[in-house]
Amino acid sequence: MIGNSVKEEVKKQFWLSAPLIGVSLLQYSLQVISVMFVGHLGSLPLSAASIATSFASVTGFTFLMGTASALETLCGQSYGAKMYGKLGIFMQRAMFVLLILSIPLSMVWFYTEDILVFVHQDKSIARLAGSYARYMIPSIYAYALLQCLNRFLQTQNNVFPVFVSSGITTCLHVLLCWVFVWKSGLGHRGAALAISVSYWVNVILLSCYVKFSASCSQTWTGFSKEALSHIPAFMKLGFPSAVMVCLELWSFELLVLLSGLLPNPVLETSTLSICLNTSLTVWMIPVGLGGTASTRISNELGAGNPKGAKLAVRVVVATVVVEGIMIGSVLLAIRNKLGYAFSSDPKVIKYVASMIPIVAAGNFLDGFQCVLSGVARGCGWQKIGACVNLGSYYLVGVPLGLLLGFHLHFGGRGLWLGIVSALVVQVLSLSIITLVTNWDKEQTMRPSTFAAINFAHVTFCCQKSCK
């Protein structure tokens, strides 16, 4: 009987995680493809595009993605509780909040060059990075909508359309980069413009699917004024969600920004940006598994099945162990060739090869934290996750990275080793929290969570009792 339950859970997670991994890889690849095109224009444009991409992630994309991840808790538990109409309301509310937040964030992007110069980045890199960021401004509004659409469909276990849409967009993005970078004369700015166009294409495709597909007929019933209410209540979960994600990803992006202050900043920035892009690309696999964990656990808790939630945790953790070993082996096998995909500079290629063992170790640990963070989002533990990430990265990882990188002169390797140490602390902390969780008690806490965000859970439970 237990064996059948495990097999069924593995099957559910496979059909959910496989498309989610594809979605994560395809959507993130838009930024990687643009950087790769720019990299063949020279080391200076590569450094500028990398800095601009990191700056955009730190000051915009990461915060929006984190805020939207509140929908994994809200929509996931609503879907499990069969309150389908609430999913569309929460998606609209999230869209409204994220679009409002995008306005000040886009203004920050507009002044990227001035900000980078103010923090003592190389002026030639800052100038090109500033123009790159300005051409990316339209993408932030599309990204805000896209994150909401992704979560809306993900929590319904309806991820194949998101995969198809992302695949179409990525294929188009390669063509757009070729045209904008090489044929239009825009150079590095063309790569940024291609990102903006591609994100909007993806939003349009998914919006059409949600509006016209029969599979969304119960969860999307049109626009509602109700979406504009209870915004502070939404932000009580959305803000900790954003902080939880931002504190982690900011530390990685901070590596590239700090590398500009090291001796030989062009070499250090180029190398660390390649390592970061490689790491984040590989990271998209456990991100998909984390999304699977969040969806399965939130659905099971919403349906009042704590045993199912506990089983989902065990299965996804076992999966990420196997994934981590496989990906680490591949990275080590191609470490001497990887740099050629981003640069033609022999010094950069050699430096990248020496960094890959550290990157591989970090990604193995990162896989664990991804699925455990997914567990936290599914349960609504965002505040706990934010505290863990704060301590791991900013009390341990970043200070140790600065010590190794600057004071002990380990350079970029020292910065990355600091992040690896943070991952160790983060994984241990989240593992302990997950192991001591009383899943029966966790399930009984769902009603109060629903009530706090106006889920009308009491009415729902009364209707079930009457039946």
Protein backbone atom coordinates (compact mmCIF):
# COMPACT_ATOMS: atom_id res chain seq x y z
CA MET A 1 0.00 0.00 0.00
CA ILE A 2 2.84 2.38 0.92
CA GLY A 3 4.66 1.40 -2.26
CA ASN A 4 1.60 2.28 -4.35
CA SER A 5 1.31 5.65 -2.64
CA VAL A 6 4.97 6.41 -3.37
CA LYS A 7 4.60 5.38 -7.01
CA GLU A 8 1.53 7.56 -7.38
CA GLU A 9 3.30 10.53 -5.79
CA VAL A 10 6.36 10.04 -8.02
CA LYS A 11 4.07 9.98 -11.05
CA LYS A 12 2.29 13.17 -9.99
CA GLN A 13 5.56 14.96 -9.32
CA PHE A 14 7.09 13.83 -12.61
CA TRP A 15 4.23 15.17 -14.73
CA LEU A 16 4.36 18.42 -12.78
CA SER A 17 8.12 18.88 -12.41
CA ALA A 18 9.19 17.97 -15.95
CA PRO A 19 7.29 20.88 -17.58
CA LEU A 20 8.15 23.20 -14.67
CA ILE A 21 11.87 22.50 -15.09
CA GLY A 22 11.50 23.20 -18.80
CA VAL A 23 9.65 26.44 -18.06
CA SER A 24 12.30 27.60 -15.60
CA LEU A 25 15.13 26.85 -18.03
CA LEU A 26 13.40 28.40 -21.03
CA GLN A 27 12.30 31.60 -19.31
CA TYR A 28 15.68 32.19 -17.68
CA SER A 29 17.46 31.36 -20.93
CA LEU A 30 16.20 34.62 -22.42
CA GLN A 31 18.69 36.58 -20.31
CA VAL A 32 21.46 34.01 -20.83
CA ILE A 33 21.02 34.00 -24.61
CA SER A 34 21.22 37.79 -24.70
CA VAL A 35 24.42 37.78 -22.62
CA MET A 36 25.91 35.10 -24.88
CA PHE A 37 25.24 37.21 -27.99
CA VAL A 38 26.77 40.27 -26.32
CA GLY A 39 29.77 38.23 -25.13
CA HIS A 40 30.94 37.80 -28.70
CA LEU A 41 31.07 41.57 -29.11
CA GLY A 42 34.01 41.70 -26.65
CA SER A 43 34.91 41.49 -22.96
CA LEU A 44 33.76 45.04 -22.17
CA PRO A 45 30.22 44.62 -23.58
CA LEU A 46 30.04 41.21 -21.86
CA SER A 47 30.97 42.76 -18.51
CA ALA A 48 28.47 45.58 -19.02
CA ALA A 49 25.62 43.25 -20.02
CA SER A 50 26.41 40.99 -17.07
CA ILE A 51 26.45 43.89 -14.62
CA ALA A 52 23.21 45.27 -16.05
CA THR A 53 21.52 41.86 -15.89
CA SER A 54 22.66 41.39 -12.31
CA PHE A 55 21.53 44.91 -11.40
CA ALA A 56 18.14 44.31 -13.02
CA SER A 57 17.75 41.07 -11.08
CA VAL A 58 18.74 42.67 -7.79
CA THR A 59 16.54 45.73 -8.15
CA GLY A 60 13.56 44.34 -10.07
CA PHE A 61 13.11 40.79 -11.30
CA THR A 62 13.94 39.10 -8.01
CA PHE A 63 11.59 41.26 -5.95
CA LEU A 64 8.69 40.74 -8.36
CA MET A 65 9.29 36.99 -8.54
CA GLY A 66 9.35 36.78 -4.76
CA THR A 67 6.15 38.79 -4.33
CA ALA A 68 4.37 36.66 -6.93
CA SER A 69 5.43 33.48 -5.11
CA ALA A 70 2.80 34.31 -2.48
CA LEU A 71 0.36 32.89 -5.04
CA GLU A 72 1.94 29.47 -4.55
CA THR A 73 0.50 29.45 -1.05
CA LEU A 74 -2.76 31.27 -1.75
CA CYS A 75 -3.75 29.70 -5.07
CA GLY A 76 -2.29 26.30 -4.22
CA GLN A 77 -4.27 25.86 -1.02
CA SER A 78 -7.41 27.34 -2.61
CA TYR A 79 -7.19 24.83 -5.44
CA GLY A 80 -6.70 21.96 -2.97
CA ALA A 81 -9.76 23.17 -1.05
CA LYS A 82 -11.73 23.33 -4.35
CA MET A 83 -12.40 27.07 -4.03
CA TYR A 84 -11.60 27.56 -7.70
CA GLY A 85 -13.05 31.03 -8.14
CA LYS A 86 -10.53 32.47 -5.68
CA LEU A 87 -7.57 31.67 -7.95
CA GLY A 88 -8.52 34.27 -10.55
CA ILE A 89 -9.17 36.88 -7.86
CA PHE A 90 -5.78 36.36 -6.28
CA MET A 91 -4.00 36.43 -9.64
CA GLN A 92 -5.61 39.76 -10.51
CA ARG A 93 -4.72 41.16 -7.10
CA ALA A 94 -1.13 40.06 -7.52
CA MET A 95 -0.96 41.57 -11.02
CA PHE A 96 -2.22 44.90 -9.74
CA VAL A 97 0.28 44.97 -6.88
CA LEU A 98 3.23 43.91 -9.06
CA LEU A 99 2.47 46.46 -11.78
CA ILE A 100 2.35 49.25 -9.20
CA LEU A 101 5.66 48.06 -7.75
CA SER A 102 7.19 47.98 -11.25
CA ILE A 103 6.87 51.76 -11.66
CA PRO A 104 9.48 52.81 -9.05
CA LEU A 105 11.65 49.81 -9.98
CA SER A 106 11.76 50.91 -13.62
CA MET A 107 12.87 54.37 -12.49
CA VAL A 108 15.79 52.75 -10.68
CA TRP A 109 16.75 50.98 -13.92
CA PHE A 110 16.64 54.30 -15.77
CA TYR A 111 19.44 55.62 -13.55
CA THR A 112 21.54 52.44 -13.61
CA GLU A 113 24.66 54.19 -14.91
CA ASP A 114 24.59 56.86 -12.21
CA ILE A 115 24.03 54.27 -9.48
CA LEU A 116 26.89 52.05 -10.68
CA VAL A 117 29.27 55.01 -10.85
CA PHE A 118 28.18 56.05 -7.36
CA VAL A 119 29.17 52.62 -5.98
CA HIS A 120 32.57 52.93 -7.70
CA GLN A 121 32.05 50.59 -10.63
CA ASP A 122 34.30 51.07 -13.65
CA LYS A 123 32.91 54.05 -15.63
CA SER A 124 33.24 52.39 -19.05
CA ILE A 125 31.34 49.34 -17.81
CA ALA A 126 28.74 51.53 -16.05
CA ARG A 127 28.06 53.54 -19.21
CA LEU A 128 27.30 50.49 -21.36
CA ALA A 129 25.41 48.80 -18.51
CA GLY A 130 23.21 51.88 -18.13
CA SER A 131 22.14 51.84 -21.77
CA TYR A 132 21.52 48.06 -21.58
CA ALA A 133 19.27 48.51 -18.52
CA ARG A 134 17.24 51.29 -20.13
CA TYR A 135 16.39 49.07 -23.09
CA MET A 136 15.21 46.42 -20.61
CA ILE A 137 12.70 48.71 -18.87
CA PRO A 138 9.65 47.47 -20.87
CA SER A 139 10.47 43.92 -19.76
CA ILE A 140 9.82 44.59 -16.06
CA TYR A 141 6.09 45.13 -16.59
CA ALA A 142 5.81 42.02 -18.73
CA TYR A 143 7.80 40.04 -16.18
CA ALA A 144 5.39 41.10 -13.40
CA LEU A 145 2.39 39.78 -15.33
CA LEU A 146 4.22 36.66 -16.46
CA GLN A 147 5.09 35.61 -12.91
CA CYS A 148 1.44 35.85 -11.88
CA LEU A 149 0.25 33.86 -14.89
CA ASN A 150 2.86 31.17 -14.24
CA ARG A 151 1.81 30.72 -10.59
CA PHE A 152 -1.89 30.79 -11.49
CA LEU A 153 -1.49 27.85 -13.87
CA GLN A 154 1.18 26.03 -11.85
CA THR A 155 -0.99 25.74 -8.74
CA GLN A 156 -3.68 24.08 -10.88
CA ASN A 157 -1.15 21.48 -12.07
CA ASN A 158 -1.70 22.93 -15.55
CA VAL A 159 1.89 23.60 -16.58
CA PHE A 160 2.20 22.13 -20.09
CA PRO A 161 0.73 25.28 -21.75
CA VAL A 162 3.30 27.38 -19.85
CA PHE A 163 6.05 25.11 -21.20
CA VAL A 164 4.81 25.42 -24.78
CA SER A 165 4.47 29.19 -24.51
CA SER A 166 7.99 29.48 -23.07
CA GLY A 167 9.40 27.28 -25.82
CA ILE A 168 7.86 29.41 -28.55
CA THR A 169 9.15 32.56 -26.89
CA THR A 170 12.70 31.22 -26.53
CA CYS A 171 12.90 30.20 -30.20
CA LEU A 172 11.69 33.65 -31.18
CA HIS A 173 14.19 35.25 -28.80
CA VAL A 174 17.18 33.69 -30.59
CA LEU A 175 15.95 35.20 -33.85
CA LEU A 176 15.31 38.56 -32.20
CA CYS A 177 18.82 38.63 -30.72
CA TRP A 178 20.36 37.84 -34.09
CA VAL A 179 18.39 40.65 -35.74
CA PHE A 180 18.74 43.26 -33.00
CA VAL A 181 22.40 42.59 -32.10
CA TRP A 182 23.97 41.83 -35.48
CA LYS A 183 21.65 43.28 -38.13
CA SER A 184 20.13 46.42 -36.63
CA GLY A 185 23.35 48.01 -35.42
CA LEU A 186 22.05 48.27 -31.85
CA GLY A 187 24.79 45.98 -30.55
CA HIS A 188 24.50 45.25 -26.82
CA ARG A 189 21.35 47.38 -26.58
CA GLY A 190 19.65 45.11 -29.11
CA ALA A 191 20.11 42.14 -26.79
CA ALA A 192 18.29 44.02 -24.01
CA LEU A 193 15.49 45.07 -26.37
CA ALA A 194 15.06 41.44 -27.43
CA ILE A 195 14.43 40.49 -23.79
CA SER A 196 11.66 43.09 -23.51
CA VAL A 197 9.93 41.94 -26.69
CA SER A 198 10.19 38.26 -25.78
CA TYR A 199 8.70 38.67 -22.30
CA TRP A 200 5.71 40.52 -23.76
CA VAL A 201 5.19 37.80 -26.37
CA ASN A 202 5.09 35.22 -23.58
CA VAL A 203 2.55 37.26 -21.60
CA ILE A 204 0.27 37.59 -24.63
CA LEU A 205 0.40 33.86 -25.38
CA LEU A 206 -0.44 32.84 -21.80
CA SER A 207 -3.15 35.49 -21.43
CA CYS A 208 -4.89 34.15 -24.52
CA TYR A 209 -4.70 30.62 -23.13
CA VAL A 210 -6.19 31.61 -19.77
CA LYS A 211 -9.01 33.56 -21.39
CA PHE A 212 -10.03 31.04 -24.05
CA SER A 213 -9.10 27.62 -22.62
CA ALA A 214 -11.83 25.45 -21.13
CA SER A 215 -9.37 24.20 -18.49
CA CYS A 216 -9.41 27.65 -16.85
CA SER A 217 -13.18 28.18 -17.05
CA GLN A 218 -13.68 27.60 -13.31
CA THR A 219 -10.61 29.47 -12.08
CA TRP A 220 -10.82 32.46 -14.43
CA THR A 221 -14.26 34.09 -14.54
CA GLY A 222 -13.22 37.53 -15.75
CA PHE A 223 -12.06 40.73 -14.09
CA SER A 224 -13.51 41.56 -10.69
CA LYS A 225 -13.48 44.60 -8.40
CA GLU A 226 -12.86 42.19 -5.53
CA ALA A 227 -9.27 41.92 -6.73
CA LEU A 228 -8.66 45.53 -5.68
CA SER A 229 -9.65 44.85 -2.07
CA HIS A 230 -7.63 43.34 0.79
CA ILE A 231 -4.32 44.36 -0.78
CA PRO A 232 -2.63 44.93 2.64
CA ALA A 233 -3.64 41.37 3.62
CA PHE A 234 -2.09 40.05 0.41
CA MET A 235 1.13 41.95 1.08
CA LYS A 236 1.38 40.40 4.56
CA LEU A 237 2.25 37.21 2.70
CA GLY A 238 3.66 38.76 -0.46
CA PHE A 239 6.29 40.90 1.27
CA PRO A 240 7.82 38.05 3.31
CA SER A 241 7.74 35.95 0.13
CA ALA A 242 9.69 38.66 -1.69
CA VAL A 243 12.17 39.03 1.17
CA MET A 244 12.68 35.27 1.33
CA VAL A 245 13.57 35.04 -2.37
CA CYS A 246 15.44 38.34 -2.57
CA LEU A 247 17.77 37.73 0.35
CA GLU A 248 19.03 34.58 -1.33
CA LEU A 249 19.29 35.74 -4.94
CA TRP A 250 20.69 39.16 -4.01
CA SER A 251 23.69 37.49 -2.45
CA PHE A 252 24.50 35.70 -5.71
CA GLU A 253 24.06 38.83 -7.79
CA LEU A 254 26.17 40.71 -5.26
CA LEU A 255 29.08 38.48 -6.29
CA VAL A 256 29.18 40.00 -9.76
CA LEU A 257 28.80 43.55 -8.46
CA LEU A 258 31.59 43.04 -5.91
CA SER A 259 33.82 41.45 -8.53
CA GLY A 260 33.99 44.85 -10.21
CA LEU A 261 35.93 46.09 -7.18
CA LEU A 262 38.60 43.37 -7.40
CA PRO A 263 41.94 43.84 -9.21
CA ASN A 264 41.47 43.29 -12.98
CA PRO A 265 37.71 43.94 -12.78
CA VAL A 266 36.97 43.07 -16.43
CA LEU A 267 38.42 39.54 -16.03
CA GLU A 268 36.82 38.97 -12.62
CA THR A 269 33.41 40.33 -13.67
CA SER A 270 33.39 38.38 -16.94
CA THR A 271 34.37 35.14 -15.22
CA LEU A 272 31.97 35.42 -12.30
CA SER A 273 29.14 36.45 -14.61
CA ILE A 274 29.71 33.30 -16.68
CA CYS A 275 29.77 31.20 -13.51
CA LEU A 276 26.63 32.94 -12.23
CA ASN A 277 24.76 32.48 -15.50
CA THR A 278 25.83 28.82 -15.58
CA SER A 279 24.85 28.34 -11.95
CA LEU A 280 21.48 30.03 -12.40
CA THR A 281 20.79 28.03 -15.57
CA VAL A 282 21.47 24.75 -13.76
CA TRP A 283 19.58 26.10 -10.74
CA MET A 284 16.41 26.24 -12.83
CA ILE A 285 16.14 22.44 -12.53
CA PRO A 286 15.75 22.42 -8.73
CA VAL A 287 13.63 25.57 -9.07
CA GLY A 288 11.19 23.43 -11.06
CA LEU A 289 11.36 20.77 -8.35
CA GLY A 290 10.80 23.46 -5.72
CA GLY A 291 7.70 24.60 -7.60
CA THR A 292 6.54 21.00 -7.64
CA ALA A 293 7.06 20.71 -3.89
CA SER A 294 5.17 23.95 -3.27
CA THR A 295 2.25 22.94 -5.48
CA ARG A 296 1.90 19.39 -4.19
CA ILE A 297 2.17 20.38 -0.53
CA SER A 298 -0.17 23.37 -0.77
CA ASN A 299 -2.73 21.27 -2.69
CA GLU A 300 -2.57 18.45 -0.12
CA LEU A 301 -2.80 20.79 2.88
CA GLY A 302 -5.69 22.65 1.26
CA ALA A 303 -7.44 19.32 0.73
CA GLY A 304 -6.86 18.37 4.38
CA ASN A 305 -4.39 15.55 3.67
CA PRO A 306 -1.28 16.01 5.87
CA LYS A 307 0.03 12.50 5.11
CA GLY A 308 0.04 13.33 1.42
CA ALA A 309 2.00 16.52 2.10
CA LYS A 310 4.59 14.61 4.15
CA LEU A 311 4.99 12.00 1.40
CA ALA A 312 5.44 14.74 -1.20
CA VAL A 313 8.35 16.17 0.83
CA ARG A 314 10.12 12.81 0.99
CA VAL A 315 9.75 12.12 -2.72
CA VAL A 316 10.95 15.53 -3.91
CA VAL A 317 13.99 15.48 -1.59
CA ALA A 318 15.03 12.07 -2.94
CA THR A 319 14.62 13.37 -6.47
CA VAL A 320 16.80 16.41 -5.93
CA VAL A 321 19.63 14.28 -4.52
CA VAL A 322 19.78 12.26 -7.74
CA GLU A 323 19.52 15.44 -9.83
CA GLY A 324 22.34 17.12 -7.92
CA ILE A 325 24.76 14.24 -8.44
CA MET A 326 24.00 14.05 -12.18
CA ILE A 327 24.32 17.80 -12.85
CA GLY A 328 27.49 18.09 -10.77
CA SER A 329 29.09 15.32 -12.80
CA VAL A 330 28.19 17.03 -16.07
CA LEU A 331 29.59 20.39 -14.94
CA LEU A 332 32.90 18.81 -13.94
CA ALA A 333 33.11 16.94 -17.25
CA ILE A 334 32.70 20.10 -19.38
CA ARG A 335 34.54 22.58 -17.17
CA ASN A 336 37.38 23.14 -19.69
CA LYS A 337 34.97 23.85 -22.56
CA LEU A 338 32.20 25.81 -20.87
CA GLY A 339 33.83 29.21 -21.16
CA TYR A 340 33.84 29.07 -24.97
CA ALA A 341 30.05 29.44 -25.01
CA PHE A 342 30.38 32.94 -23.53
CA SER A 343 33.80 34.26 -24.49
CA SER A 344 36.79 33.87 -26.80
CA ASP A 345 39.29 35.22 -24.24
CA PRO A 346 41.70 32.40 -23.14
CA LYS A 347 42.17 33.98 -19.70
CA VAL A 348 38.42 34.01 -19.08
CA ILE A 349 38.04 30.41 -20.28
CA LYS A 350 40.86 29.17 -18.01
CA TYR A 351 39.53 31.07 -15.00
CA VAL A 352 36.03 29.66 -15.55
CA ALA A 353 37.42 26.10 -15.62
CA SER A 354 39.08 26.63 -12.22
CA MET A 355 35.81 27.93 -10.74
CA ILE A 356 33.53 25.08 -11.87
CA PRO A 357 34.28 22.63 -8.99
CA ILE A 358 33.18 25.31 -6.51
CA VAL A 359 30.11 26.08 -8.63
CA ALA A 360 29.21 22.38 -8.80
CA ALA A 361 29.43 22.01 -5.01
CA GLY A 362 27.27 25.08 -4.52
CA ASN A 363 24.63 23.85 -6.94
CA PHE A 364 24.37 20.50 -5.20
CA LEU A 365 23.54 22.29 -1.95
CA ASP A 366 21.33 24.77 -3.78
CA GLY A 367 19.14 21.91 -4.97
CA PHE A 368 18.30 21.00 -1.38
CA GLN A 369 17.47 24.56 -0.42
CA CYS A 370 15.25 24.96 -3.50
CA VAL A 371 12.97 22.08 -2.61
CA LEU A 372 12.98 22.95 1.09
CA SER A 373 12.09 26.55 0.21
CA GLY A 374 9.30 25.14 -1.93
CA VAL A 375 8.05 23.27 1.12
CA ALA A 376 8.11 26.55 3.07
CA ARG A 377 6.10 28.36 0.38
CA GLY A 378 3.56 25.56 0.17
CA CYS A 379 3.02 25.71 3.93
CA GLY A 380 3.03 29.51 4.17
CA TRP A 381 6.29 29.67 6.16
CA GLN A 382 7.65 32.65 4.24
CA LYS A 383 8.49 34.63 7.39
CA ILE A 384 10.51 31.72 8.75
CA GLY A 385 12.24 31.30 5.40
CA ALA A 386 13.11 34.99 5.28
CA CYS A 387 14.76 34.79 8.71
CA VAL A 388 16.76 31.70 7.72
CA ASN A 389 17.96 33.36 4.51
CA LEU A 390 18.90 36.55 6.34
CA GLY A 391 21.08 34.69 8.80
CA SER A 392 22.59 32.29 6.25
CA TYR A 393 23.62 34.79 3.61
CA TYR A 394 24.17 38.08 5.43
CA LEU A 395 25.50 36.91 8.78
CA VAL A 396 27.61 34.06 7.35
CA GLY A 397 27.93 33.94 3.56
CA VAL A 398 28.56 37.53 2.47
CA PRO A 399 30.93 38.45 5.36
CA LEU A 400 32.94 35.26 4.83
CA GLY A 401 33.02 35.89 1.06
CA LEU A 402 34.34 39.42 1.60
CA LEU A 403 36.99 38.11 3.99
CA LEU A 404 38.16 35.43 1.56
CA GLY A 405 37.85 37.51 -1.57
CA PHE A 406 39.42 40.80 -0.48
CA HIS A 407 41.35 40.36 2.77
CA LEU A 408 42.80 36.89 2.07
CA HIS A 409 43.10 37.64 -1.68
CA PHE A 410 41.21 34.60 -2.97
CA GLY A 411 39.51 36.88 -5.49
CA GLY A 412 36.38 35.58 -7.21
CA ARG A 413 36.91 32.11 -5.74
CA GLY A 414 36.71 33.56 -2.24
CA LEU A 415 33.45 35.38 -3.00
CA TRP A 416 31.88 32.17 -4.27
CA LEU A 417 33.16 30.08 -1.35
CA GLY A 418 31.35 32.49 0.98
CA ILE A 419 28.07 31.72 -0.77
CA VAL A 420 28.72 27.99 -0.54
CA SER A 421 29.13 28.35 3.23
CA ALA A 422 25.81 30.21 3.36
CA LEU A 423 24.11 27.37 1.50
CA VAL A 424 25.40 24.90 4.09
CA VAL A 425 23.82 26.92 6.92
CA GLN A 426 20.60 27.44 4.97
CA VAL A 427 20.16 23.76 4.09
CA LEU A 428 20.82 22.64 7.66
CA SER A 429 18.34 25.18 9.06
CA LEU A 430 15.53 24.37 6.62
CA SER A 431 16.13 20.64 7.04
CA ILE A 432 15.72 20.87 10.81
CA ILE A 433 12.53 22.94 10.44
CA THR A 434 11.06 20.42 7.99
CA LEU A 435 12.06 17.37 10.07
CA VAL A 436 10.42 18.67 13.27
CA THR A 437 7.21 19.73 11.53
CA ASN A 438 4.01 18.18 12.86
CA TRP A 439 2.06 17.76 9.62
CA ASP A 440 -1.23 16.99 11.36
CA LYS A 441 -0.94 20.26 13.27
CA GLU A 442 0.13 22.06 10.07
CA GLN A 443 -3.06 20.96 8.36
CA THR A 444 -5.24 22.24 11.21
CA MET A 445 -3.65 25.68 10.80
CA ARG A 446 -4.95 26.08 7.25
CA PRO A 447 -8.35 27.61 8.21
CA SER A 448 -6.74 30.52 10.05
CA THR A 449 -4.48 31.15 7.09
CA PHE A 450 -7.45 31.27 4.75
CA ALA A 451 -9.40 33.59 7.05
CA ALA A 452 -6.52 36.01 7.33
CA ILE A 453 -6.55 36.53 3.57
CA ASN A 454 -10.33 36.59 3.13
CA PHE A 455 -10.70 33.11 1.76
CA ALA A 456 -14.20 32.73 3.20
CA HIS A 457 -12.97 29.42 4.59
CA VAL A 458 -15.53 29.35 7.38
CA THR A 459 -18.37 29.51 4.88
CA PHE A 460 -16.76 26.79 2.83
CA CYS A 461 -16.40 24.47 5.84
CA CYS A 462 -20.00 25.12 6.89
CA GLN A 463 -21.25 24.22 3.43
CA LYS A 464 -19.34 20.94 3.60
CA SER A 465 -20.77 20.17 7.05
CA CYS A 466 -24.33 20.81 5.85
CA LYS A 467 -23.81 18.41 2.99
